[in-house]
Amino acid sequence: RGTYTCQVTWRASNNSMIAKEIMT
C-alpha cells in the first residue's frame, strides 16, 4: 500500500522533451 506515480517522458520531433505524471 502507498502512493504510486506513473511518469512518462516523450521526445518531440524538434528534440524537446515532454514529461507527464499521475499519482494513484
PDBML (XML) file of the C-alpha atoms, coordinates in Angstrom:
<?xml version="1.0" encoding="UTF-8" ?>
<PDBx:datablock datablockName="MODEL"
   xmlns:PDBx="http://pdbml.pdb.org/schema/pdbx-v50.xsd"
   xmlns:xsi="http://www.w3.org/2001/XMLSchema-instance"
   xsi:schemaLocation="http://pdbml.pdb.org/schema/pdbx-v50.xsd pdbx-v50.xsd">
   <PDBx:atom_siteCategory>
      <PDBx:atom_site id="1">
         <PDBx:B_iso_or_equiv>0.00</PDBx:B_iso_or_equiv>
         <PDBx:Cartn_x>0.000</PDBx:Cartn_x>
         <PDBx:Cartn_y>0.000</PDBx:Cartn_y>
         <PDBx:Cartn_z>0.000</PDBx:Cartn_z>
         <PDBx:auth_asym_id>A</PDBx:auth_asym_id>
         <PDBx:auth_atom_id>CA</PDBx:auth_atom_id>
         <PDBx:auth_comp_id>ARG</PDBx:auth_comp_id>
         <PDBx:auth_seq_id>1</PDBx:auth_seq_id>
         <PDBx:group_PDB>ATOM</PDBx:group_PDB>
         <PDBx:label_alt_id xsi:nil="true" />
         <PDBx:label_asym_id>A</PDBx:label_asym_id>
         <PDBx:label_atom_id>CA</PDBx:label_atom_id>
         <PDBx:label_comp_id>ARG</PDBx:label_comp_id>
         <PDBx:label_entity_id>1</PDBx:label_entity_id>
         <PDBx:label_seq_id>1</PDBx:label_seq_id>
         <PDBx:occupancy>1.00</PDBx:occupancy>
         <PDBx:pdbx_PDB_model_num>1</PDBx:pdbx_PDB_model_num>
         <PDBx:type_symbol>C</PDBx:type_symbol>
      </PDBx:atom_site>
      <PDBx:atom_site id="2">
         <PDBx:B_iso_or_equiv>0.00</PDBx:B_iso_or_equiv>
         <PDBx:Cartn_x>1.165</PDBx:Cartn_x>
         <PDBx:Cartn_y>3.511</PDBx:Cartn_y>
         <PDBx:Cartn_z>-0.772</PDBx:Cartn_z>
         <PDBx:auth_asym_id>A</PDBx:auth_asym_id>
         <PDBx:auth_atom_id>CA</PDBx:auth_atom_id>
         <PDBx:auth_comp_id>GLY</PDBx:auth_comp_id>
         <PDBx:auth_seq_id>2</PDBx:auth_seq_id>
         <PDBx:group_PDB>ATOM</PDBx:group_PDB>
         <PDBx:label_alt_id xsi:nil="true" />
         <PDBx:label_asym_id>A</PDBx:label_asym_id>
         <PDBx:label_atom_id>CA</PDBx:label_atom_id>
         <PDBx:label_comp_id>GLY</PDBx:label_comp_id>
         <PDBx:label_entity_id>1</PDBx:label_entity_id>
         <PDBx:label_seq_id>2</PDBx:label_seq_id>
         <PDBx:occupancy>1.00</PDBx:occupancy>
         <PDBx:pdbx_PDB_model_num>1</PDBx:pdbx_PDB_model_num>
         <PDBx:type_symbol>C</PDBx:type_symbol>
      </PDBx:atom_site>
      <PDBx:atom_site id="3">
         <PDBx:B_iso_or_equiv>0.00</PDBx:B_iso_or_equiv>
         <PDBx:Cartn_x>1.107</PDBx:Cartn_x>
         <PDBx:Cartn_y>6.207</PDBx:Cartn_y>
         <PDBx:Cartn_z>-3.431</PDBx:Cartn_z>
         <PDBx:auth_asym_id>A</PDBx:auth_asym_id>
         <PDBx:auth_atom_id>CA</PDBx:auth_atom_id>
         <PDBx:auth_comp_id>THR</PDBx:auth_comp_id>
         <PDBx:auth_seq_id>3</PDBx:auth_seq_id>
         <PDBx:group_PDB>ATOM</PDBx:group_PDB>
         <PDBx:label_alt_id xsi:nil="true" />
         <PDBx:label_asym_id>A</PDBx:label_asym_id>
         <PDBx:label_atom_id>CA</PDBx:label_atom_id>
         <PDBx:label_comp_id>THR</PDBx:label_comp_id>
         <PDBx:label_entity_id>1</PDBx:label_entity_id>
         <PDBx:label_seq_id>3</PDBx:label_seq_id>
         <PDBx:occupancy>1.00</PDBx:occupancy>
         <PDBx:pdbx_PDB_model_num>1</PDBx:pdbx_PDB_model_num>
         <PDBx:type_symbol>C</PDBx:type_symbol>
      </PDBx:atom_site>
      <PDBx:atom_site id="4">
         <PDBx:B_iso_or_equiv>0.00</PDBx:B_iso_or_equiv>
         <PDBx:Cartn_x>2.258</PDBx:Cartn_x>
         <PDBx:Cartn_y>5.123</PDBx:Cartn_y>
         <PDBx:Cartn_z>-6.879</PDBx:Cartn_z>
         <PDBx:auth_asym_id>A</PDBx:auth_asym_id>
         <PDBx:auth_atom_id>CA</PDBx:auth_atom_id>
         <PDBx:auth_comp_id>TYR</PDBx:auth_comp_id>
         <PDBx:auth_seq_id>4</PDBx:auth_seq_id>
         <PDBx:group_PDB>ATOM</PDBx:group_PDB>
         <PDBx:label_alt_id xsi:nil="true" />
         <PDBx:label_asym_id>A</PDBx:label_asym_id>
         <PDBx:label_atom_id>CA</PDBx:label_atom_id>
         <PDBx:label_comp_id>TYR</PDBx:label_comp_id>
         <PDBx:label_entity_id>1</PDBx:label_entity_id>
         <PDBx:label_seq_id>4</PDBx:label_seq_id>
         <PDBx:occupancy>1.00</PDBx:occupancy>
         <PDBx:pdbx_PDB_model_num>1</PDBx:pdbx_PDB_model_num>
         <PDBx:type_symbol>C</PDBx:type_symbol>
      </PDBx:atom_site>
      <PDBx:atom_site id="5">
         <PDBx:B_iso_or_equiv>0.00</PDBx:B_iso_or_equiv>
         <PDBx:Cartn_x>3.427</PDBx:Cartn_x>
         <PDBx:Cartn_y>7.533</PDBx:Cartn_y>
         <PDBx:Cartn_z>-9.579</PDBx:Cartn_z>
         <PDBx:auth_asym_id>A</PDBx:auth_asym_id>
         <PDBx:auth_atom_id>CA</PDBx:auth_atom_id>
         <PDBx:auth_comp_id>THR</PDBx:auth_comp_id>
         <PDBx:auth_seq_id>5</PDBx:auth_seq_id>
         <PDBx:group_PDB>ATOM</PDBx:group_PDB>
         <PDBx:label_alt_id xsi:nil="true" />
         <PDBx:label_asym_id>A</PDBx:label_asym_id>
         <PDBx:label_atom_id>CA</PDBx:label_atom_id>
         <PDBx:label_comp_id>THR</PDBx:label_comp_id>
         <PDBx:label_entity_id>1</PDBx:label_entity_id>
         <PDBx:label_seq_id>5</PDBx:label_seq_id>
         <PDBx:occupancy>1.00</PDBx:occupancy>
         <PDBx:pdbx_PDB_model_num>1</PDBx:pdbx_PDB_model_num>
         <PDBx:type_symbol>C</PDBx:type_symbol>
      </PDBx:atom_site>
      <PDBx:atom_site id="6">
         <PDBx:B_iso_or_equiv>0.00</PDBx:B_iso_or_equiv>
         <PDBx:Cartn_x>3.403</PDBx:Cartn_x>
         <PDBx:Cartn_y>6.819</PDBx:Cartn_y>
         <PDBx:Cartn_z>-13.307</PDBx:Cartn_z>
         <PDBx:auth_asym_id>A</PDBx:auth_asym_id>
         <PDBx:auth_atom_id>CA</PDBx:auth_atom_id>
         <PDBx:auth_comp_id>CYS</PDBx:auth_comp_id>
         <PDBx:auth_seq_id>6</PDBx:auth_seq_id>
         <PDBx:group_PDB>ATOM</PDBx:group_PDB>
         <PDBx:label_alt_id xsi:nil="true" />
         <PDBx:label_asym_id>A</PDBx:label_asym_id>
         <PDBx:label_atom_id>CA</PDBx:label_atom_id>
         <PDBx:label_comp_id>CYS</PDBx:label_comp_id>
         <PDBx:label_entity_id>1</PDBx:label_entity_id>
         <PDBx:label_seq_id>6</PDBx:label_seq_id>
         <PDBx:occupancy>1.00</PDBx:occupancy>
         <PDBx:pdbx_PDB_model_num>1</PDBx:pdbx_PDB_model_num>
         <PDBx:type_symbol>C</PDBx:type_symbol>
      </PDBx:atom_site>
      <PDBx:atom_site id="7">
         <PDBx:B_iso_or_equiv>0.00</PDBx:B_iso_or_equiv>
         <PDBx:Cartn_x>5.776</PDBx:Cartn_x>
         <PDBx:Cartn_y>9.156</PDBx:Cartn_y>
         <PDBx:Cartn_z>-15.153</PDBx:Cartn_z>
         <PDBx:auth_asym_id>A</PDBx:auth_asym_id>
         <PDBx:auth_atom_id>CA</PDBx:auth_atom_id>
         <PDBx:auth_comp_id>GLN</PDBx:auth_comp_id>
         <PDBx:auth_seq_id>7</PDBx:auth_seq_id>
         <PDBx:group_PDB>ATOM</PDBx:group_PDB>
         <PDBx:label_alt_id xsi:nil="true" />
         <PDBx:label_asym_id>A</PDBx:label_asym_id>
         <PDBx:label_atom_id>CA</PDBx:label_atom_id>
         <PDBx:label_comp_id>GLN</PDBx:label_comp_id>
         <PDBx:label_entity_id>1</PDBx:label_entity_id>
         <PDBx:label_seq_id>7</PDBx:label_seq_id>
         <PDBx:occupancy>1.00</PDBx:occupancy>
         <PDBx:pdbx_PDB_model_num>1</PDBx:pdbx_PDB_model_num>
         <PDBx:type_symbol>C</PDBx:type_symbol>
      </PDBx:atom_site>
      <PDBx:atom_site id="8">
         <PDBx:B_iso_or_equiv>0.00</PDBx:B_iso_or_equiv>
         <PDBx:Cartn_x>6.261</PDBx:Cartn_x>
         <PDBx:Cartn_y>9.177</PDBx:Cartn_y>
         <PDBx:Cartn_z>-18.910</PDBx:Cartn_z>
         <PDBx:auth_asym_id>A</PDBx:auth_asym_id>
         <PDBx:auth_atom_id>CA</PDBx:auth_atom_id>
         <PDBx:auth_comp_id>VAL</PDBx:auth_comp_id>
         <PDBx:auth_seq_id>8</PDBx:auth_seq_id>
         <PDBx:group_PDB>ATOM</PDBx:group_PDB>
         <PDBx:label_alt_id xsi:nil="true" />
         <PDBx:label_asym_id>A</PDBx:label_asym_id>
         <PDBx:label_atom_id>CA</PDBx:label_atom_id>
         <PDBx:label_comp_id>VAL</PDBx:label_comp_id>
         <PDBx:label_entity_id>1</PDBx:label_entity_id>
         <PDBx:label_seq_id>8</PDBx:label_seq_id>
         <PDBx:occupancy>1.00</PDBx:occupancy>
         <PDBx:pdbx_PDB_model_num>1</PDBx:pdbx_PDB_model_num>
         <PDBx:type_symbol>C</PDBx:type_symbol>
      </PDBx:atom_site>
      <PDBx:atom_site id="9">
         <PDBx:B_iso_or_equiv>0.00</PDBx:B_iso_or_equiv>
         <PDBx:Cartn_x>8.653</PDBx:Cartn_x>
         <PDBx:Cartn_y>11.291</PDBx:Cartn_y>
         <PDBx:Cartn_z>-20.973</PDBx:Cartn_z>
         <PDBx:auth_asym_id>A</PDBx:auth_asym_id>
         <PDBx:auth_atom_id>CA</PDBx:auth_atom_id>
         <PDBx:auth_comp_id>THR</PDBx:auth_comp_id>
         <PDBx:auth_seq_id>9</PDBx:auth_seq_id>
         <PDBx:group_PDB>ATOM</PDBx:group_PDB>
         <PDBx:label_alt_id xsi:nil="true" />
         <PDBx:label_asym_id>A</PDBx:label_asym_id>
         <PDBx:label_atom_id>CA</PDBx:label_atom_id>
         <PDBx:label_comp_id>THR</PDBx:label_comp_id>
         <PDBx:label_entity_id>1</PDBx:label_entity_id>
         <PDBx:label_seq_id>9</PDBx:label_seq_id>
         <PDBx:occupancy>1.00</PDBx:occupancy>
         <PDBx:pdbx_PDB_model_num>1</PDBx:pdbx_PDB_model_num>
         <PDBx:type_symbol>C</PDBx:type_symbol>
      </PDBx:atom_site>
      <PDBx:atom_site id="10">
         <PDBx:B_iso_or_equiv>0.00</PDBx:B_iso_or_equiv>
         <PDBx:Cartn_x>8.372</PDBx:Cartn_x>
         <PDBx:Cartn_y>11.791</PDBx:Cartn_y>
         <PDBx:Cartn_z>-24.717</PDBx:Cartn_z>
         <PDBx:auth_asym_id>A</PDBx:auth_asym_id>
         <PDBx:auth_atom_id>CA</PDBx:auth_atom_id>
         <PDBx:auth_comp_id>TRP</PDBx:auth_comp_id>
         <PDBx:auth_seq_id>10</PDBx:auth_seq_id>
         <PDBx:group_PDB>ATOM</PDBx:group_PDB>
         <PDBx:label_alt_id xsi:nil="true" />
         <PDBx:label_asym_id>A</PDBx:label_asym_id>
         <PDBx:label_atom_id>CA</PDBx:label_atom_id>
         <PDBx:label_comp_id>TRP</PDBx:label_comp_id>
         <PDBx:label_entity_id>1</PDBx:label_entity_id>
         <PDBx:label_seq_id>10</PDBx:label_seq_id>
         <PDBx:occupancy>1.00</PDBx:occupancy>
         <PDBx:pdbx_PDB_model_num>1</PDBx:pdbx_PDB_model_num>
         <PDBx:type_symbol>C</PDBx:type_symbol>
      </PDBx:atom_site>
      <PDBx:atom_site id="11">
         <PDBx:B_iso_or_equiv>0.00</PDBx:B_iso_or_equiv>
         <PDBx:Cartn_x>10.776</PDBx:Cartn_x>
         <PDBx:Cartn_y>13.232</PDBx:Cartn_y>
         <PDBx:Cartn_z>-27.275</PDBx:Cartn_z>
         <PDBx:auth_asym_id>A</PDBx:auth_asym_id>
         <PDBx:auth_atom_id>CA</PDBx:auth_atom_id>
         <PDBx:auth_comp_id>ARG</PDBx:auth_comp_id>
         <PDBx:auth_seq_id>11</PDBx:auth_seq_id>
         <PDBx:group_PDB>ATOM</PDBx:group_PDB>
         <PDBx:label_alt_id xsi:nil="true" />
         <PDBx:label_asym_id>A</PDBx:label_asym_id>
         <PDBx:label_atom_id>CA</PDBx:label_atom_id>
         <PDBx:label_comp_id>ARG</PDBx:label_comp_id>
         <PDBx:label_entity_id>1</PDBx:label_entity_id>
         <PDBx:label_seq_id>11</PDBx:label_seq_id>
         <PDBx:occupancy>1.00</PDBx:occupancy>
         <PDBx:pdbx_PDB_model_num>1</PDBx:pdbx_PDB_model_num>
         <PDBx:type_symbol>C</PDBx:type_symbol>
      </PDBx:atom_site>
      <PDBx:atom_site id="12">
         <PDBx:B_iso_or_equiv>0.00</PDBx:B_iso_or_equiv>
         <PDBx:Cartn_x>9.279</PDBx:Cartn_x>
         <PDBx:Cartn_y>15.607</PDBx:Cartn_y>
         <PDBx:Cartn_z>-29.845</PDBx:Cartn_z>
         <PDBx:auth_asym_id>A</PDBx:auth_asym_id>
         <PDBx:auth_atom_id>CA</PDBx:auth_atom_id>
         <PDBx:auth_comp_id>ALA</PDBx:auth_comp_id>
         <PDBx:auth_seq_id>12</PDBx:auth_seq_id>
         <PDBx:group_PDB>ATOM</PDBx:group_PDB>
         <PDBx:label_alt_id xsi:nil="true" />
         <PDBx:label_asym_id>A</PDBx:label_asym_id>
         <PDBx:label_atom_id>CA</PDBx:label_atom_id>
         <PDBx:label_comp_id>ALA</PDBx:label_comp_id>
         <PDBx:label_entity_id>1</PDBx:label_entity_id>
         <PDBx:label_seq_id>12</PDBx:label_seq_id>
         <PDBx:occupancy>1.00</PDBx:occupancy>
         <PDBx:pdbx_PDB_model_num>1</PDBx:pdbx_PDB_model_num>
         <PDBx:type_symbol>C</PDBx:type_symbol>
      </PDBx:atom_site>
      <PDBx:atom_site id="13">
         <PDBx:B_iso_or_equiv>0.00</PDBx:B_iso_or_equiv>
         <PDBx:Cartn_x>10.446</PDBx:Cartn_x>
         <PDBx:Cartn_y>15.923</PDBx:Cartn_y>
         <PDBx:Cartn_z>-33.457</PDBx:Cartn_z>
         <PDBx:auth_asym_id>A</PDBx:auth_asym_id>
         <PDBx:auth_atom_id>CA</PDBx:auth_atom_id>
         <PDBx:auth_comp_id>SER</PDBx:auth_comp_id>
         <PDBx:auth_seq_id>13</PDBx:auth_seq_id>
         <PDBx:group_PDB>ATOM</PDBx:group_PDB>
         <PDBx:label_alt_id xsi:nil="true" />
         <PDBx:label_asym_id>A</PDBx:label_asym_id>
         <PDBx:label_atom_id>CA</PDBx:label_atom_id>
         <PDBx:label_comp_id>SER</PDBx:label_comp_id>
         <PDBx:label_entity_id>1</PDBx:label_entity_id>
         <PDBx:label_seq_id>13</PDBx:label_seq_id>
         <PDBx:occupancy>1.00</PDBx:occupancy>
         <PDBx:pdbx_PDB_model_num>1</PDBx:pdbx_PDB_model_num>
         <PDBx:type_symbol>C</PDBx:type_symbol>
      </PDBx:atom_site>
      <PDBx:atom_site id="14">
         <PDBx:B_iso_or_equiv>0.00</PDBx:B_iso_or_equiv>
         <PDBx:Cartn_x>12.379</PDBx:Cartn_x>
         <PDBx:Cartn_y>19.096</PDBx:Cartn_y>
         <PDBx:Cartn_z>-32.518</PDBx:Cartn_z>
         <PDBx:auth_asym_id>A</PDBx:auth_asym_id>
         <PDBx:auth_atom_id>CA</PDBx:auth_atom_id>
         <PDBx:auth_comp_id>ASN</PDBx:auth_comp_id>
         <PDBx:auth_seq_id>14</PDBx:auth_seq_id>
         <PDBx:group_PDB>ATOM</PDBx:group_PDB>
         <PDBx:label_alt_id xsi:nil="true" />
         <PDBx:label_asym_id>A</PDBx:label_asym_id>
         <PDBx:label_atom_id>CA</PDBx:label_atom_id>
         <PDBx:label_comp_id>ASN</PDBx:label_comp_id>
         <PDBx:label_entity_id>1</PDBx:label_entity_id>
         <PDBx:label_seq_id>14</PDBx:label_seq_id>
         <PDBx:occupancy>1.00</PDBx:occupancy>
         <PDBx:pdbx_PDB_model_num>1</PDBx:pdbx_PDB_model_num>
         <PDBx:type_symbol>C</PDBx:type_symbol>
      </PDBx:atom_site>
      <PDBx:atom_site id="15">
         <PDBx:B_iso_or_equiv>0.00</PDBx:B_iso_or_equiv>
         <PDBx:Cartn_x>14.195</PDBx:Cartn_x>
         <PDBx:Cartn_y>17.059</PDBx:Cartn_y>
         <PDBx:Cartn_z>-29.818</PDBx:Cartn_z>
         <PDBx:auth_asym_id>A</PDBx:auth_asym_id>
         <PDBx:auth_atom_id>CA</PDBx:auth_atom_id>
         <PDBx:auth_comp_id>ASN</PDBx:auth_comp_id>
         <PDBx:auth_seq_id>15</PDBx:auth_seq_id>
         <PDBx:group_PDB>ATOM</PDBx:group_PDB>
         <PDBx:label_alt_id xsi:nil="true" />
         <PDBx:label_asym_id>A</PDBx:label_asym_id>
         <PDBx:label_atom_id>CA</PDBx:label_atom_id>
         <PDBx:label_comp_id>ASN</PDBx:label_comp_id>
         <PDBx:label_entity_id>1</PDBx:label_entity_id>
         <PDBx:label_seq_id>15</PDBx:label_seq_id>
         <PDBx:occupancy>1.00</PDBx:occupancy>
         <PDBx:pdbx_PDB_model_num>1</PDBx:pdbx_PDB_model_num>
         <PDBx:type_symbol>C</PDBx:type_symbol>
      </PDBx:atom_site>
      <PDBx:atom_site id="16">
         <PDBx:B_iso_or_equiv>0.00</PDBx:B_iso_or_equiv>
         <PDBx:Cartn_x>12.459</PDBx:Cartn_x>
         <PDBx:Cartn_y>18.807</PDBx:Cartn_y>
         <PDBx:Cartn_z>-26.923</PDBx:Cartn_z>
         <PDBx:auth_asym_id>A</PDBx:auth_asym_id>
         <PDBx:auth_atom_id>CA</PDBx:auth_atom_id>
         <PDBx:auth_comp_id>SER</PDBx:auth_comp_id>
         <PDBx:auth_seq_id>16</PDBx:auth_seq_id>
         <PDBx:group_PDB>ATOM</PDBx:group_PDB>
         <PDBx:label_alt_id xsi:nil="true" />
         <PDBx:label_asym_id>A</PDBx:label_asym_id>
         <PDBx:label_atom_id>CA</PDBx:label_atom_id>
         <PDBx:label_comp_id>SER</PDBx:label_comp_id>
         <PDBx:label_entity_id>1</PDBx:label_entity_id>
         <PDBx:label_seq_id>16</PDBx:label_seq_id>
         <PDBx:occupancy>1.00</PDBx:occupancy>
         <PDBx:pdbx_PDB_model_num>1</PDBx:pdbx_PDB_model_num>
         <PDBx:type_symbol>C</PDBx:type_symbol>
      </PDBx:atom_site>
      <PDBx:atom_site id="17">
         <PDBx:B_iso_or_equiv>0.00</PDBx:B_iso_or_equiv>
         <PDBx:Cartn_x>11.249</PDBx:Cartn_x>
         <PDBx:Cartn_y>16.607</PDBx:Cartn_y>
         <PDBx:Cartn_z>-24.063</PDBx:Cartn_z>
         <PDBx:auth_asym_id>A</PDBx:auth_asym_id>
         <PDBx:auth_atom_id>CA</PDBx:auth_atom_id>
         <PDBx:auth_comp_id>MET</PDBx:auth_comp_id>
         <PDBx:auth_seq_id>17</PDBx:auth_seq_id>
         <PDBx:group_PDB>ATOM</PDBx:group_PDB>
         <PDBx:label_alt_id xsi:nil="true" />
         <PDBx:label_asym_id>A</PDBx:label_asym_id>
         <PDBx:label_atom_id>CA</PDBx:label_atom_id>
         <PDBx:label_comp_id>MET</PDBx:label_comp_id>
         <PDBx:label_entity_id>1</PDBx:label_entity_id>
         <PDBx:label_seq_id>17</PDBx:label_seq_id>
         <PDBx:occupancy>1.00</PDBx:occupancy>
         <PDBx:pdbx_PDB_model_num>1</PDBx:pdbx_PDB_model_num>
         <PDBx:type_symbol>C</PDBx:type_symbol>
      </PDBx:atom_site>
      <PDBx:atom_site id="18">
         <PDBx:B_iso_or_equiv>0.00</PDBx:B_iso_or_equiv>
         <PDBx:Cartn_x>7.796</PDBx:Cartn_x>
         <PDBx:Cartn_y>16.453</PDBx:Cartn_y>
         <PDBx:Cartn_z>-22.527</PDBx:Cartn_z>
         <PDBx:auth_asym_id>A</PDBx:auth_asym_id>
         <PDBx:auth_atom_id>CA</PDBx:auth_atom_id>
         <PDBx:auth_comp_id>ILE</PDBx:auth_comp_id>
         <PDBx:auth_seq_id>18</PDBx:auth_seq_id>
         <PDBx:group_PDB>ATOM</PDBx:group_PDB>
         <PDBx:label_alt_id xsi:nil="true" />
         <PDBx:label_asym_id>A</PDBx:label_asym_id>
         <PDBx:label_atom_id>CA</PDBx:label_atom_id>
         <PDBx:label_comp_id>ILE</PDBx:label_comp_id>
         <PDBx:label_entity_id>1</PDBx:label_entity_id>
         <PDBx:label_seq_id>18</PDBx:label_seq_id>
         <PDBx:occupancy>1.00</PDBx:occupancy>
         <PDBx:pdbx_PDB_model_num>1</PDBx:pdbx_PDB_model_num>
         <PDBx:type_symbol>C</PDBx:type_symbol>
      </PDBx:atom_site>
      <PDBx:atom_site id="19">
         <PDBx:B_iso_or_equiv>0.00</PDBx:B_iso_or_equiv>
         <PDBx:Cartn_x>7.082</PDBx:Cartn_x>
         <PDBx:Cartn_y>14.774</PDBx:Cartn_y>
         <PDBx:Cartn_z>-19.179</PDBx:Cartn_z>
         <PDBx:auth_asym_id>A</PDBx:auth_asym_id>
         <PDBx:auth_atom_id>CA</PDBx:auth_atom_id>
         <PDBx:auth_comp_id>ALA</PDBx:auth_comp_id>
         <PDBx:auth_seq_id>19</PDBx:auth_seq_id>
         <PDBx:group_PDB>ATOM</PDBx:group_PDB>
         <PDBx:label_alt_id xsi:nil="true" />
         <PDBx:label_asym_id>A</PDBx:label_asym_id>
         <PDBx:label_atom_id>CA</PDBx:label_atom_id>
         <PDBx:label_comp_id>ALA</PDBx:label_comp_id>
         <PDBx:label_entity_id>1</PDBx:label_entity_id>
         <PDBx:label_seq_id>19</PDBx:label_seq_id>
         <PDBx:occupancy>1.00</PDBx:occupancy>
         <PDBx:pdbx_PDB_model_num>1</PDBx:pdbx_PDB_model_num>
         <PDBx:type_symbol>C</PDBx:type_symbol>
      </PDBx:atom_site>
      <PDBx:atom_site id="20">
         <PDBx:B_iso_or_equiv>0.00</PDBx:B_iso_or_equiv>
         <PDBx:Cartn_x>3.781</PDBx:Cartn_x>
         <PDBx:Cartn_y>13.964</PDBx:Cartn_y>
         <PDBx:Cartn_z>-17.517</PDBx:Cartn_z>
         <PDBx:auth_asym_id>A</PDBx:auth_asym_id>
         <PDBx:auth_atom_id>CA</PDBx:auth_atom_id>
         <PDBx:auth_comp_id>LYS</PDBx:auth_comp_id>
         <PDBx:auth_seq_id>20</PDBx:auth_seq_id>
         <PDBx:group_PDB>ATOM</PDBx:group_PDB>
         <PDBx:label_alt_id xsi:nil="true" />
         <PDBx:label_asym_id>A</PDBx:label_asym_id>
         <PDBx:label_atom_id>CA</PDBx:label_atom_id>
         <PDBx:label_comp_id>LYS</PDBx:label_comp_id>
         <PDBx:label_entity_id>1</PDBx:label_entity_id>
         <PDBx:label_seq_id>20</PDBx:label_seq_id>
         <PDBx:occupancy>1.00</PDBx:occupancy>
         <PDBx:pdbx_PDB_model_num>1</PDBx:pdbx_PDB_model_num>
         <PDBx:type_symbol>C</PDBx:type_symbol>
      </PDBx:atom_site>
      <PDBx:atom_site id="21">
         <PDBx:B_iso_or_equiv>0.00</PDBx:B_iso_or_equiv>
         <PDBx:Cartn_x>2.907</PDBx:Cartn_x>
         <PDBx:Cartn_y>12.069</PDBx:Cartn_y>
         <PDBx:Cartn_z>-14.371</PDBx:Cartn_z>
         <PDBx:auth_asym_id>A</PDBx:auth_asym_id>
         <PDBx:auth_atom_id>CA</PDBx:auth_atom_id>
         <PDBx:auth_comp_id>GLU</PDBx:auth_comp_id>
         <PDBx:auth_seq_id>21</PDBx:auth_seq_id>
         <PDBx:group_PDB>ATOM</PDBx:group_PDB>
         <PDBx:label_alt_id xsi:nil="true" />
         <PDBx:label_asym_id>A</PDBx:label_asym_id>
         <PDBx:label_atom_id>CA</PDBx:label_atom_id>
         <PDBx:label_comp_id>GLU</PDBx:label_comp_id>
         <PDBx:label_entity_id>1</PDBx:label_entity_id>
         <PDBx:label_seq_id>21</PDBx:label_seq_id>
         <PDBx:occupancy>1.00</PDBx:occupancy>
         <PDBx:pdbx_PDB_model_num>1</PDBx:pdbx_PDB_model_num>
         <PDBx:type_symbol>C</PDBx:type_symbol>
      </PDBx:atom_site>
      <PDBx:atom_site id="22">
         <PDBx:B_iso_or_equiv>0.00</PDBx:B_iso_or_equiv>
         <PDBx:Cartn_x>-0.148</PDBx:Cartn_x>
         <PDBx:Cartn_y>10.888</PDBx:Cartn_y>
         <PDBx:Cartn_z>-12.452</PDBx:Cartn_z>
         <PDBx:auth_asym_id>A</PDBx:auth_asym_id>
         <PDBx:auth_atom_id>CA</PDBx:auth_atom_id>
         <PDBx:auth_comp_id>ILE</PDBx:auth_comp_id>
         <PDBx:auth_seq_id>22</PDBx:auth_seq_id>
         <PDBx:group_PDB>ATOM</PDBx:group_PDB>
         <PDBx:label_alt_id xsi:nil="true" />
         <PDBx:label_asym_id>A</PDBx:label_asym_id>
         <PDBx:label_atom_id>CA</PDBx:label_atom_id>
         <PDBx:label_comp_id>ILE</PDBx:label_comp_id>
         <PDBx:label_entity_id>1</PDBx:label_entity_id>
         <PDBx:label_seq_id>22</PDBx:label_seq_id>
         <PDBx:occupancy>1.00</PDBx:occupancy>
         <PDBx:pdbx_PDB_model_num>1</PDBx:pdbx_PDB_model_num>
         <PDBx:type_symbol>C</PDBx:type_symbol>
      </PDBx:atom_site>
      <PDBx:atom_site id="23">
         <PDBx:B_iso_or_equiv>0.00</PDBx:B_iso_or_equiv>
         <PDBx:Cartn_x>-0.463</PDBx:Cartn_x>
         <PDBx:Cartn_y>9.515</PDBx:Cartn_y>
         <PDBx:Cartn_z>-8.932</PDBx:Cartn_z>
         <PDBx:auth_asym_id>A</PDBx:auth_asym_id>
         <PDBx:auth_atom_id>CA</PDBx:auth_atom_id>
         <PDBx:auth_comp_id>MET</PDBx:auth_comp_id>
         <PDBx:auth_seq_id>23</PDBx:auth_seq_id>
         <PDBx:group_PDB>ATOM</PDBx:group_PDB>
         <PDBx:label_alt_id xsi:nil="true" />
         <PDBx:label_asym_id>A</PDBx:label_asym_id>
         <PDBx:label_atom_id>CA</PDBx:label_atom_id>
         <PDBx:label_comp_id>MET</PDBx:label_comp_id>
         <PDBx:label_entity_id>1</PDBx:label_entity_id>
         <PDBx:label_seq_id>23</PDBx:label_seq_id>
         <PDBx:occupancy>1.00</PDBx:occupancy>
         <PDBx:pdbx_PDB_model_num>1</PDBx:pdbx_PDB_model_num>
         <PDBx:type_symbol>C</PDBx:type_symbol>
      </PDBx:atom_site>
      <PDBx:atom_site id="24">
         <PDBx:B_iso_or_equiv>0.00</PDBx:B_iso_or_equiv>
         <PDBx:Cartn_x>-2.639</PDBx:Cartn_x>
         <PDBx:Cartn_y>6.667</PDBx:Cartn_y>
         <PDBx:Cartn_z>-7.680</PDBx:Cartn_z>
         <PDBx:auth_asym_id>A</PDBx:auth_asym_id>
         <PDBx:auth_atom_id>CA</PDBx:auth_atom_id>
         <PDBx:auth_comp_id>THR</PDBx:auth_comp_id>
         <PDBx:auth_seq_id>24</PDBx:auth_seq_id>
         <PDBx:group_PDB>ATOM</PDBx:group_PDB>
         <PDBx:label_alt_id xsi:nil="true" />
         <PDBx:label_asym_id>A</PDBx:label_asym_id>
         <PDBx:label_atom_id>CA</PDBx:label_atom_id>
         <PDBx:label_comp_id>THR</PDBx:label_comp_id>
         <PDBx:label_entity_id>1</PDBx:label_entity_id>
         <PDBx:label_seq_id>24</PDBx:label_seq_id>
         <PDBx:occupancy>1.00</PDBx:occupancy>
         <PDBx:pdbx_PDB_model_num>1</PDBx:pdbx_PDB_model_num>
         <PDBx:type_symbol>C</PDBx:type_symbol>
      </PDBx:atom_site>
   </PDBx:atom_siteCategory>
</PDBx:datablock>
